[in-house]
Amino acid sequence: MAKIRNLFPTRRPAPTPAAGAAALLDGFSIEVTPRTASRIADFRTLLPAGTRVYIAHIDGAPIEDMVATAARLREEGFAVMPHFPARLIADRATLKEWIGRYRDEAGVDQTLLLAGGLPAPRGAFSDSMQLIETGLFDKAGFTRLHVAGHPEGNRDIDPDGDGARAMAALRWKAGFAERTDAQMAIVTQFCFEAAPVIAWADRLRDEGVNLPIHIGVPGPARLQTLIRFALACGVGPSLRVLQRRAADVTKLVTPFTPERFLTDLAAHKMANPDFTIAKTHFFPLGGIANAAEFARAFGGARRFVATG
């Protein structure tokens, strides 16, 4: 007897914001310093193979420690992306030396370029565009150049708070990506609330900046820790999320986690498929292990190769 075709096929469940948030975590990256990395015996016990690990270059960090950390992480199987902070680099010769050491001693071919957070340059460079214009990264075979983004502004770049200079810089970088073969993305400061991030991403799109955005997310941490880092790093409107939480005494002893932030971003992305936030970048303010555990529990444990 012929089989009767099922005229009423079972419908698959519609995607949910929670599922979308898990998708944002697929291919997440994380940021370390040589000091915090030294506390982890083996990153392979914490992170999926191929995870992109950024190494923050804090003022005063010896280049030897930076390169050694990069080499160790590469040997453990991770995609390593060290910071190049323009205002900390003395001159072109120093820049060339650092690039060469990362390439030759650690096999690095990607970097995050940023001004560096100092009020004034200590040497020849004041911004990441000047680093790009040297052509040294291209000559050394660096294929991926990420740049910094500030959804809630940056007073070092735009003292009056209008964001005009930061936007002009991102337009320049997007244009550079279009006329070259450089793989580029914007990696942002950490935020706590979706609305300011959505407004910023939409403004970038309207300005013709279509680089993928890797949104900065704070890993789980005590409220006091997050407020301290947020104030030091100039986090703007989304700081009110922490302020509201601080007013609730029942939440003072429990760590803040970014589920709501991620779920709200995912809901917006589901409703607006052209939304340019593509991935999640963790700032492990409450510890690397805590951030990695949150990513695993929330859906970011799939094996992947970092490409986006």
C-alpha atoms as a PDB file:
ATOM      1  CA  MET A   1       0.000   0.000   0.000  1.00  0.00           C
ATOM      2  CA  ALA A   2       1.408   3.376  -0.956  1.00  0.00           C
ATOM      3  CA  LYS A   3       2.392   5.627   1.859  1.00  0.00           C
ATOM      4  CA  ILE A   4       0.129   8.605   2.356  1.00  0.00           C
ATOM      5  CA  ARG A   5       2.003  11.874   2.308  1.00  0.00           C
ATOM      6  CA  ASN A   6       1.780  13.794   5.515  1.00  0.00           C
ATOM      7  CA  LEU A   7      -0.337  16.803   4.630  1.00  0.00           C
ATOM      8  CA  PHE A   8       0.305  18.410   7.977  1.00  0.00           C
ATOM      9  CA  PRO A   9       4.073  18.316   8.526  1.00  0.00           C
ATOM     10  CA  THR A  10       5.364  19.052  11.975  1.00  0.00           C
ATOM     11  CA  ARG A  11       6.453  22.645  12.197  1.00  0.00           C
ATOM     12  CA  ARG A  12       9.864  23.408  13.580  1.00  0.00           C
ATOM     13  CA  PRO A  13       9.850  25.699  16.599  1.00  0.00           C
ATOM     14  CA  ALA A  14      10.386  29.329  15.712  1.00  0.00           C
ATOM     15  CA  PRO A  15      13.798  30.719  16.679  1.00  0.00           C
ATOM     16  CA  THR A  16      13.828  32.404  20.068  1.00  0.00           C
ATOM     17  CA  PRO A  17      15.937  35.299  21.361  1.00  0.00           C
ATOM     18  CA  ALA A  18      17.662  32.859  23.712  1.00  0.00           C
ATOM     19  CA  ALA A  19      18.670  30.713  20.738  1.00  0.00           C
ATOM     20  CA  GLY A  20      19.788  33.831  18.920  1.00  0.00           C
ATOM     21  CA  ALA A  21      21.913  34.823  21.907  1.00  0.00           C
ATOM     22  CA  ALA A  22      23.563  31.412  21.814  1.00  0.00           C
ATOM     23  CA  ALA A  23      24.283  31.989  18.124  1.00  0.00           C
ATOM     24  CA  LEU A  24      26.012  35.286  18.978  1.00  0.00           C
ATOM     25  CA  LEU A  25      28.290  33.291  21.270  1.00  0.00           C
ATOM     26  CA  ASP A  26      29.259  30.856  18.536  1.00  0.00           C
ATOM     27  CA  GLY A  27      32.834  31.835  17.778  1.00  0.00           C
ATOM     28  CA  PHE A  28      33.168  34.148  20.780  1.00  0.00           C
ATOM     29  CA  SER A  29      36.538  35.690  21.571  1.00  0.00           C
ATOM     30  CA  ILE A  30      38.097  36.626  24.887  1.00  0.00           C
ATOM     31  CA  GLU A  31      40.681  39.116  26.132  1.00  0.00           C
ATOM     32  CA  VAL A  32      43.623  38.398  28.438  1.00  0.00           C
ATOM     33  CA  THR A  33      46.803  40.071  29.614  1.00  0.00           C
ATOM     34  CA  PRO A  34      50.133  38.339  30.172  1.00  0.00           C
ATOM     35  CA  ARG A  35      49.468  38.493  33.912  1.00  0.00           C
ATOM     36  CA  THR A  36      45.955  37.013  33.798  1.00  0.00           C
ATOM     37  CA  ALA A  37      47.007  34.409  31.234  1.00  0.00           C
ATOM     38  CA  SER A  38      49.814  33.241  33.514  1.00  0.00           C
ATOM     39  CA  ARG A  39      47.212  32.145  36.069  1.00  0.00           C
ATOM     40  CA  ILE A  40      45.689  29.623  33.647  1.00  0.00           C
ATOM     41  CA  ALA A  41      47.604  26.336  33.510  1.00  0.00           C
ATOM     42  CA  ASP A  42      46.123  25.280  30.161  1.00  0.00           C
ATOM     43  CA  PHE A  43      43.593  27.289  28.150  1.00  0.00           C
ATOM     44  CA  ARG A  44      42.515  24.131  26.354  1.00  0.00           C
ATOM     45  CA  THR A  45      40.597  23.138  29.476  1.00  0.00           C
ATOM     46  CA  LEU A  46      38.517  26.321  29.230  1.00  0.00           C
ATOM     47  CA  LEU A  47      38.084  27.421  25.617  1.00  0.00           C
ATOM     48  CA  PRO A  48      36.953  25.747  22.379  1.00  0.00           C
ATOM     49  CA  ALA A  49      39.748  24.915  19.971  1.00  0.00           C
ATOM     50  CA  GLY A  50      40.559  27.842  17.705  1.00  0.00           C
ATOM     51  CA  THR A  51      39.070  30.519  19.961  1.00  0.00           C
ATOM     52  CA  ARG A  52      40.435  33.955  19.161  1.00  0.00           C
ATOM     53  CA  VAL A  53      42.305  35.264  22.204  1.00  0.00           C
ATOM     54  CA  TYR A  54      43.186  38.951  22.311  1.00  0.00           C
ATOM     55  CA  ILE A  55      46.208  39.974  24.358  1.00  0.00           C
ATOM     56  CA  ALA A  56      45.754  43.449  25.812  1.00  0.00           C
ATOM     57  CA  HIS A  57      48.912  45.548  25.834  1.00  0.00           C
ATOM     58  CA  ILE A  58      48.683  47.483  29.084  1.00  0.00           C
ATOM     59  CA  ASP A  59      50.945  50.479  29.582  1.00  0.00           C
ATOM     60  CA  GLY A  60      54.237  49.210  30.999  1.00  0.00           C
ATOM     61  CA  ALA A  61      53.894  45.624  29.752  1.00  0.00           C
ATOM     62  CA  PRO A  62      57.249  44.437  28.304  1.00  0.00           C
ATOM     63  CA  ILE A  63      57.037  43.318  24.692  1.00  0.00           C
ATOM     64  CA  GLU A  64      58.863  40.144  25.751  1.00  0.00           C
ATOM     65  CA  ASP A  65      55.928  39.166  27.979  1.00  0.00           C
ATOM     66  CA  MET A  66      53.433  39.955  25.240  1.00  0.00           C
ATOM     67  CA  VAL A  67      55.246  37.829  22.648  1.00  0.00           C
ATOM     68  CA  ALA A  68      55.794  34.952  25.082  1.00  0.00           C
ATOM     69  CA  THR A  69      52.076  34.898  25.923  1.00  0.00           C
ATOM     70  CA  ALA A  70      51.207  34.933  22.224  1.00  0.00           C
ATOM     71  CA  ALA A  71      53.575  32.029  21.518  1.00  0.00           C
ATOM     72  CA  ARG A  72      52.151  29.999  24.396  1.00  0.00           C
ATOM     73  CA  LEU A  73      48.549  30.510  23.250  1.00  0.00           C
ATOM     74  CA  ARG A  74      49.407  29.684  19.636  1.00  0.00           C
ATOM     75  CA  GLU A  75      51.051  26.459  20.785  1.00  0.00           C
ATOM     76  CA  GLU A  76      47.876  25.557  22.678  1.00  0.00           C
ATOM     77  CA  GLY A  77      45.887  25.914  19.460  1.00  0.00           C
ATOM     78  CA  PHE A  78      44.302  29.358  19.639  1.00  0.00           C
ATOM     79  CA  ALA A  79      44.045  32.249  17.183  1.00  0.00           C
ATOM     80  CA  VAL A  80      46.075  34.987  18.831  1.00  0.00           C
ATOM     81  CA  MET A  81      45.344  38.682  18.326  1.00  0.00           C
ATOM     82  CA  PRO A  82      47.663  41.027  20.259  1.00  0.00           C
ATOM     83  CA  HIS A  83      46.851  44.687  20.719  1.00  0.00           C
ATOM     84  CA  PHE A  84      48.988  47.319  19.012  1.00  0.00           C
ATOM     85  CA  PRO A  85      48.310  50.550  20.986  1.00  0.00           C
ATOM     86  CA  ALA A  86      49.468  53.419  18.764  1.00  0.00           C
ATOM     87  CA  ARG A  87      50.218  55.907  21.513  1.00  0.00           C
ATOM     88  CA  LEU A  88      52.537  53.495  23.342  1.00  0.00           C
ATOM     89  CA  ILE A  89      54.741  52.824  20.281  1.00  0.00           C
ATOM     90  CA  ALA A  90      57.845  55.005  20.106  1.00  0.00           C
ATOM     91  CA  ASP A  91      58.499  55.030  16.364  1.00  0.00           C
ATOM     92  CA  ARG A  92      58.342  53.130  13.091  1.00  0.00           C
ATOM     93  CA  ALA A  93      61.397  51.033  13.989  1.00  0.00           C
ATOM     94  CA  THR A  94      59.735  49.867  17.215  1.00  0.00           C
ATOM     95  CA  LEU A  95      56.520  49.062  15.366  1.00  0.00           C
ATOM     96  CA  LYS A  96      58.456  47.016  12.796  1.00  0.00           C
ATOM     97  CA  GLU A  97      60.315  45.185  15.560  1.00  0.00           C
ATOM     98  CA  TRP A  98      57.105  44.269  17.413  1.00  0.00           C
ATOM     99  CA  ILE A  99      55.413  43.054  14.239  1.00  0.00           C
ATOM    100  CA  GLY A 100      58.421  40.943  13.349  1.00  0.00           C
ATOM    101  CA  ARG A 101      58.695  39.402  16.786  1.00  0.00           C
ATOM    102  CA  TYR A 102      55.016  38.441  16.875  1.00  0.00           C
ATOM    103  CA  ARG A 103      55.275  36.934  13.399  1.00  0.00           C
ATOM    104  CA  ASP A 104      58.596  35.110  13.804  1.00  0.00           C
ATOM    105  CA  GLU A 105      58.399  34.022  17.460  1.00  0.00           C
ATOM    106  CA  ALA A 106      54.664  33.364  17.801  1.00  0.00           C
ATOM    107  CA  GLY A 107      53.275  32.883  14.293  1.00  0.00           C
ATOM    108  CA  VAL A 108      50.856  35.802  14.686  1.00  0.00           C
ATOM    109  CA  ASP A 109      49.164  37.206  11.563  1.00  0.00           C
ATOM    110  CA  GLN A 110      46.323  39.273  13.051  1.00  0.00           C
ATOM    111  CA  THR A 111      46.017  42.214  15.426  1.00  0.00           C
ATOM    112  CA  LEU A 112      43.712  44.698  17.106  1.00  0.00           C
ATOM    113  CA  LEU A 113      44.792  48.250  16.302  1.00  0.00           C
ATOM    114  CA  LEU A 114      43.784  51.015  18.686  1.00  0.00           C
ATOM    115  CA  ALA A 115      44.922  54.402  19.914  1.00  0.00           C
ATOM    116  CA  GLY A 116      45.827  53.047  23.317  1.00  0.00           C
ATOM    117  CA  GLY A 117      43.873  55.046  25.870  1.00  0.00           C
ATOM    118  CA  LEU A 118      46.573  57.596  26.703  1.00  0.00           C
ATOM    119  CA  PRO A 119      45.630  61.292  26.546  1.00  0.00           C
ATOM    120  CA  ALA A 120      48.655  62.009  24.327  1.00  0.00           C
ATOM    121  CA  PRO A 121      51.043  59.907  22.236  1.00  0.00           C
ATOM    122  CA  ARG A 122      54.470  59.055  23.625  1.00  0.00           C
ATOM    123  CA  GLY A 123      56.005  58.690  20.215  1.00  0.00           C
ATOM    124  CA  ALA A 124      55.330  58.918  16.506  1.00  0.00           C
ATOM    125  CA  PHE A 125      51.769  57.554  16.395  1.00  0.00           C
ATOM    126  CA  SER A 126      48.512  58.907  17.766  1.00  0.00           C
ATOM    127  CA  ASP A 127      45.904  56.627  16.193  1.00  0.00           C
ATOM    128  CA  SER A 128      45.378  53.281  14.514  1.00  0.00           C
ATOM    129  CA  MET A 129      45.038  54.817  11.039  1.00  0.00           C
ATOM    130  CA  GLN A 130      48.662  55.901  11.201  1.00  0.00           C
ATOM    131  CA  LEU A 131      49.668  52.340  12.077  1.00  0.00           C
ATOM    132  CA  ILE A 132      47.738  50.994   9.084  1.00  0.00           C
ATOM    133  CA  GLU A 133      49.235  53.595   6.740  1.00  0.00           C
ATOM    134  CA  THR A 134      52.785  52.412   7.462  1.00  0.00           C
ATOM    135  CA  GLY A 135      52.059  49.311   5.370  1.00  0.00           C
ATOM    136  CA  LEU A 136      54.170  47.244   7.771  1.00  0.00           C
ATOM    137  CA  PHE A 137      51.389  44.833   8.692  1.00  0.00           C
ATOM    138  CA  ASP A 138      50.733  44.021   5.053  1.00  0.00           C
ATOM    139  CA  LYS A 139      54.452  43.538   4.348  1.00  0.00           C
ATOM    140  CA  ALA A 140      54.677  41.128   7.297  1.00  0.00           C
ATOM    141  CA  GLY A 141      51.759  39.041   6.024  1.00  0.00           C
ATOM    142  CA  PHE A 142      49.163  40.091   8.586  1.00  0.00           C
ATOM    143  CA  THR A 143      45.801  39.218   7.036  1.00  0.00           C
ATOM    144  CA  ARG A 144      43.334  40.372   9.684  1.00  0.00           C
ATOM    145  CA  LEU A 145      43.226  43.865  11.208  1.00  0.00           C
ATOM    146  CA  HIS A 146      40.572  44.586  13.798  1.00  0.00           C
ATOM    147  CA  VAL A 147      39.861  48.098  15.030  1.00  0.00           C
ATOM    148  CA  ALA A 148      38.261  49.510  18.153  1.00  0.00           C
ATOM    149  CA  GLY A 149      34.693  50.772  18.455  1.00  0.00           C
ATOM    150  CA  HIS A 150      33.009  52.762  21.204  1.00  0.00           C
ATOM    151  CA  PRO A 151      29.202  52.448  21.182  1.00  0.00           C
ATOM    152  CA  GLU A 152      28.905  54.912  24.068  1.00  0.00           C
ATOM    153  CA  GLY A 153      31.570  57.346  22.923  1.00  0.00           C
ATOM    154  CA  ASN A 154      35.181  57.987  23.842  1.00  0.00           C
ATOM    155  CA  ARG A 155      36.206  61.286  25.394  1.00  0.00           C
ATOM    156  CA  ASP A 156      39.824  60.811  24.345  1.00  0.00           C
ATOM    157  CA  ILE A 157      38.687  60.875  20.713  1.00  0.00           C
ATOM    158  CA  ASP A 158      35.691  63.221  20.964  1.00  0.00           C
ATOM    159  CA  PRO A 159      36.027  65.458  24.034  1.00  0.00           C
ATOM    160  CA  ASP A 160      32.696  67.172  23.334  1.00  0.00           C
ATOM    161  CA  GLY A 161      30.898  63.833  23.142  1.00  0.00           C
ATOM    162  CA  ASP A 162      29.425  64.171  19.637  1.00  0.00           C
ATOM    163  CA  GLY A 163      31.275  61.139  18.247  1.00  0.00           C
ATOM    164  CA  ALA A 164      32.145  62.901  14.979  1.00  0.00           C
ATOM    165  CA  ARG A 165      35.868  62.112  14.971  1.00  0.00           C
ATOM    166  CA  ALA A 166      35.320  58.474  15.946  1.00  0.00           C
ATOM    167  CA  MET A 167      32.751  58.088  13.175  1.00  0.00           C
ATOM    168  CA  ALA A 168      35.063  59.662  10.608  1.00  0.00           C
ATOM    169  CA  ALA A 169      37.828  57.263  11.643  1.00  0.00           C
ATOM    170  CA  LEU A 170      35.526  54.252  11.226  1.00  0.00           C
ATOM    171  CA  ARG A 171      34.452  55.474   7.788  1.00  0.00           C
ATOM    172  CA  TRP A 172      38.142  55.677   6.814  1.00  0.00           C
ATOM    173  CA  LYS A 173      38.769  52.134   8.095  1.00  0.00           C
ATOM    174  CA  ALA A 174      35.727  50.769   6.286  1.00  0.00           C
ATOM    175  CA  GLY A 175      36.994  52.401   3.111  1.00  0.00           C
ATOM    176  CA  PHE A 176      40.403  50.824   3.635  1.00  0.00           C
ATOM    177  CA  ALA A 177      38.777  47.401   3.956  1.00  0.00           C
ATOM    178  CA  GLU A 178      36.856  47.966   0.712  1.00  0.00           C
ATOM    179  CA  ARG A 179      39.916  48.928  -1.337  1.00  0.00           C
ATOM    180  CA  THR A 180      42.267  46.257   0.061  1.00  0.00           C
ATOM    181  CA  ASP A 181      42.160  42.557   0.861  1.00  0.00           C
ATOM    182  CA  ALA A 182      42.445  43.156   4.612  1.00  0.00           C
ATOM    183  CA  GLN A 183      39.924  41.241   6.700  1.00  0.00           C
ATOM    184  CA  MET A 184      38.534  43.734   9.199  1.00  0.00           C
ATOM    185  CA  ALA A 185      36.004  43.943  12.007  1.00  0.00           C
ATOM    186  CA  ILE A 186      35.135  46.377  14.785  1.00  0.00           C
ATOM    187  CA  VAL A 187      35.666  45.182  18.355  1.00  0.00           C
ATOM    188  CA  THR A 188      33.921  47.313  20.943  1.00  0.00           C
ATOM    189  CA  GLN A 189      34.308  48.391  24.525  1.00  0.00           C
ATOM    190  CA  PHE A 190      32.103  46.405  26.886  1.00  0.00           C
ATOM    191  CA  CYS A 191      28.519  47.559  27.414  1.00  0.00           C
ATOM    192  CA  PHE A 192      25.618  46.482  29.604  1.00  0.00           C
ATOM    193  CA  GLU A 193      22.473  47.522  27.739  1.00  0.00           C
ATOM    194  CA  ALA A 194      21.302  46.793  24.209  1.00  0.00           C
ATOM    195  CA  ALA A 195      19.555  50.073  23.305  1.00  0.00           C
ATOM    196  CA  PRO A 196      22.663  52.302  23.058  1.00  0.00           C
ATOM    197  CA  VAL A 197      24.496  49.575  21.128  1.00  0.00           C
ATOM    198  CA  ILE A 198      21.636  49.148  18.651  1.00  0.00           C
ATOM    199  CA  ALA A 199      21.446  52.904  18.059  1.00  0.00           C
ATOM    200  CA  TRP A 200      25.208  53.076  17.462  1.00  0.00           C
ATOM    201  CA  ALA A 201      25.254  50.094  15.093  1.00  0.00           C
ATOM    202  CA  ASP A 202      22.351  51.561  13.118  1.00  0.00           C
ATOM    203  CA  ARG A 203      24.190  54.896  12.875  1.00  0.00           C
ATOM    204  CA  LEU A 204      27.274  53.119  11.533  1.00  0.00           C
ATOM    205  CA  ARG A 205      25.172  51.445   8.857  1.00  0.00           C
ATOM    206  CA  ASP A 206      23.602  54.764   7.912  1.00  0.00           C
ATOM    207  CA  GLU A 207      27.108  56.265   7.608  1.00  0.00           C
ATOM    208  CA  GLY A 208      28.143  53.473   5.235  1.00  0.00           C
ATOM    209  CA  VAL A 209      30.257  51.557   7.746  1.00  0.00           C
ATOM    210  CA  ASN A 210      29.343  47.912   7.208  1.00  0.00           C
ATOM    211  CA  LEU A 211      32.218  46.175   8.964  1.00  0.00           C
ATOM    212  CA  PRO A 212      31.082  43.279  11.175  1.00  0.00           C
ATOM    213  CA  ILE A 213      30.862  44.214  14.847  1.00  0.00           C
ATOM    214  CA  HIS A 214      32.161  42.018  17.637  1.00  0.00           C
ATOM    215  CA  ILE A 215      30.335  43.373  20.651  1.00  0.00           C
ATOM    216  CA  GLY A 216      32.191  43.736  23.933  1.00  0.00           C
ATOM    217  CA  VAL A 217      30.483  41.868  26.768  1.00  0.00           C
ATOM    218  CA  PRO A 218      31.514  41.780  30.437  1.00  0.00           C
ATOM    219  CA  GLY A 219      32.007  38.299  31.802  1.00  0.00           C
ATOM    220  CA  PRO A 220      30.292  37.410  35.083  1.00  0.00           C
ATOM    221  CA  ALA A 221      31.640  39.521  37.940  1.00  0.00           C
ATOM    222  CA  ARG A 222      30.699  41.132  41.212  1.00  0.00           C
ATOM    223  CA  LEU A 223      28.721  44.327  40.814  1.00  0.00           C
ATOM    224  CA  GLN A 224      31.369  46.398  42.570  1.00  0.00           C
ATOM    225  CA  THR A 225      34.028  45.101  40.167  1.00  0.00           C
ATOM    226  CA  LEU A 226      31.963  45.959  37.114  1.00  0.00           C
ATOM    227  CA  ILE A 227      31.146  49.456  38.322  1.00  0.00           C
ATOM    228  CA  ARG A 228      34.842  50.120  38.996  1.00  0.00           C
ATOM    229  CA  PHE A 229      35.889  48.984  35.524  1.00  0.00           C
ATOM    230  CA  ALA A 230      32.969  50.767  33.863  1.00  0.00           C
ATOM    231  CA  LEU A 231      33.868  54.100  35.438  1.00  0.00           C
ATOM    232  CA  ALA A 232      37.564  53.665  34.601  1.00  0.00           C
ATOM    233  CA  CYS A 233      36.816  52.780  30.975  1.00  0.00           C
ATOM    234  CA  GLY A 234      34.261  55.507  30.327  1.00  0.00           C
ATOM    235  CA  VAL A 235      31.184  53.315  29.854  1.00  0.00           C
ATOM    236  CA  GLY A 236      28.262  55.643  29.228  1.00  0.00           C
ATOM    237  CA  PRO A 237      24.469  55.269  29.207  1.00  0.00           C
ATOM    238  CA  SER A 238      24.405  51.515  29.767  1.00  0.00           C
ATOM    239  CA  LEU A 239      26.023  51.999  33.172  1.00  0.00           C
ATOM    240  CA  ARG A 240      22.480  52.680  34.410  1.00  0.00           C
ATOM    241  CA  VAL A 241      21.877  48.908  34.261  1.00  0.00           C
ATOM    242  CA  LEU A 242      24.424  48.490  37.040  1.00  0.00           C
ATOM    243  CA  GLN A 243      23.097  51.492  38.923  1.00  0.00           C
ATOM    244  CA  ARG A 244      19.593  50.023  38.960  1.00  0.00           C
ATOM    245  CA  ARG A 245      20.986  46.691  40.109  1.00  0.00           C
ATOM    246  CA  ALA A 246      22.962  48.389  42.888  1.00  0.00           C
ATOM    247  CA  ALA A 247      19.721  49.889  44.181  1.00  0.00           C
ATOM    248  CA  ASP A 248      18.330  46.373  44.740  1.00  0.00           C
ATOM    249  CA  VAL A 249      20.016  45.103  47.897  1.00  0.00           C
ATOM    250  CA  THR A 250      18.911  41.537  47.107  1.00  0.00           C
ATOM    251  CA  LYS A 251      21.214  41.520  44.070  1.00  0.00           C
ATOM    252  CA  LEU A 252      24.331  42.994  45.618  1.00  0.00           C
ATOM    253  CA  VAL A 253      25.809  39.622  46.572  1.00  0.00           C
ATOM    254  CA  THR A 254      25.116  37.796  43.292  1.00  0.00           C
ATOM    255  CA  PRO A 255      27.383  38.185  40.241  1.00  0.00           C
ATOM    256  CA  PHE A 256      26.127  40.173  37.277  1.00  0.00           C
ATOM    257  CA  THR A 257      25.836  38.085  34.107  1.00  0.00           C
ATOM    258  CA  PRO A 258      25.066  39.403  30.603  1.00  0.00           C
ATOM    259  CA  GLU A 259      22.115  37.169  29.591  1.00  0.00           C
ATOM    260  CA  ARG A 260      19.668  40.075  29.256  1.00  0.00           C
ATOM    261  CA  PHE A 261      22.091  42.129  27.188  1.00  0.00           C
ATOM    262  CA  LEU A 262      22.764  39.251  24.791  1.00  0.00           C
ATOM    263  CA  THR A 263      19.127  38.210  24.542  1.00  0.00           C
ATOM    264  CA  ASP A 264      17.999  41.769  23.726  1.00  0.00           C
ATOM    265  CA  LEU A 265      20.658  42.051  20.999  1.00  0.00           C
ATOM    266  CA  ALA A 266      19.622  38.676  19.599  1.00  0.00           C
ATOM    267  CA  ALA A 267      15.955  39.674  19.519  1.00  0.00           C
ATOM    268  CA  HIS A 268      16.860  42.794  17.540  1.00  0.00           C
ATOM    269  CA  LYS A 269      19.004  40.783  15.140  1.00  0.00           C
ATOM    270  CA  MET A 270      16.146  38.330  14.537  1.00  0.00           C
ATOM    271  CA  ALA A 271      13.850  41.210  13.652  1.00  0.00           C
ATOM    272  CA  ASN A 272      16.543  42.994  11.604  1.00  0.00           C
ATOM    273  CA  PRO A 273      18.692  40.467   9.712  1.00  0.00           C
ATOM    274  CA  ASP A 274      20.998  43.213   8.383  1.00  0.00           C
ATOM    275  CA  PHE A 275      22.041  44.124  11.946  1.00  0.00           C
ATOM    276  CA  THR A 276      25.851  44.115  11.813  1.00  0.00           C
ATOM    277  CA  ILE A 277      26.661  42.691  15.236  1.00  0.00           C
ATOM    278  CA  ALA A 278      28.149  39.317  14.353  1.00  0.00           C
ATOM    279  CA  LYS A 279      30.005  37.944  17.381  1.00  0.00           C
ATOM    280  CA  THR A 280      30.674  38.350  21.091  1.00  0.00           C
ATOM    281  CA  HIS A 281      33.968  39.461  22.632  1.00  0.00           C
ATOM    282  CA  PHE A 282      34.347  38.776  26.348  1.00  0.00           C
ATOM    283  CA  PHE A 283      36.107  41.034  28.811  1.00  0.00           C
ATOM    284  CA  PRO A 284      36.644  38.566  31.687  1.00  0.00           C
ATOM    285  CA  LEU A 285      36.392  41.157  34.444  1.00  0.00           C
ATOM    286  CA  GLY A 286      35.424  38.488  36.965  1.00  0.00           C
ATOM    287  CA  GLY A 287      38.034  35.992  35.795  1.00  0.00           C
ATOM    288  CA  ILE A 288      38.801  34.051  32.632  1.00  0.00           C
ATOM    289  CA  ALA A 289      37.374  30.789  33.963  1.00  0.00           C
ATOM    290  CA  ASN A 290      34.064  32.441  34.911  1.00  0.00           C
ATOM    291  CA  ALA A 291      33.672  34.010  31.470  1.00  0.00           C
ATOM    292  CA  ALA A 292      34.493  30.731  29.727  1.00  0.00           C
ATOM    293  CA  GLU A 293      32.028  28.815  31.896  1.00  0.00           C
ATOM    294  CA  PHE A 294      29.276  31.345  31.156  1.00  0.00           C
ATOM    295  CA  ALA A 295      29.929  31.014  27.413  1.00  0.00           C
ATOM    296  CA  ARG A 296      29.735  27.224  27.634  1.00  0.00           C
ATOM    297  CA  ALA A 297      26.560  27.254  29.709  1.00  0.00           C
ATOM    298  CA  PHE A 298      24.864  29.840  27.500  1.00  0.00           C
ATOM    299  CA  GLY A 299      25.625  28.099  24.235  1.00  0.00           C
ATOM    300  CA  GLY A 300      29.110  29.021  23.107  1.00  0.00           C
ATOM    301  CA  ALA A 301      30.802  25.636  23.514  1.00  0.00           C
ATOM    302  CA  ARG A 302      30.688  24.440  19.903  1.00  0.00           C
ATOM    303  CA  ARG A 303      34.008  23.736  18.237  1.00  0.00           C
ATOM    304  CA  PHE A 304      34.773  26.332  15.586  1.00  0.00           C
ATOM    305  CA  VAL A 305      37.507  28.027  13.633  1.00  0.00           C
ATOM    306  CA  ALA A 306      37.518  31.799  14.176  1.00  0.00           C
ATOM    307  CA  THR A 307      36.963  33.445  10.809  1.00  0.00           C
ATOM    308  CA  GLY A 308      34.437  36.267  11.108  1.00  0.00           C
END
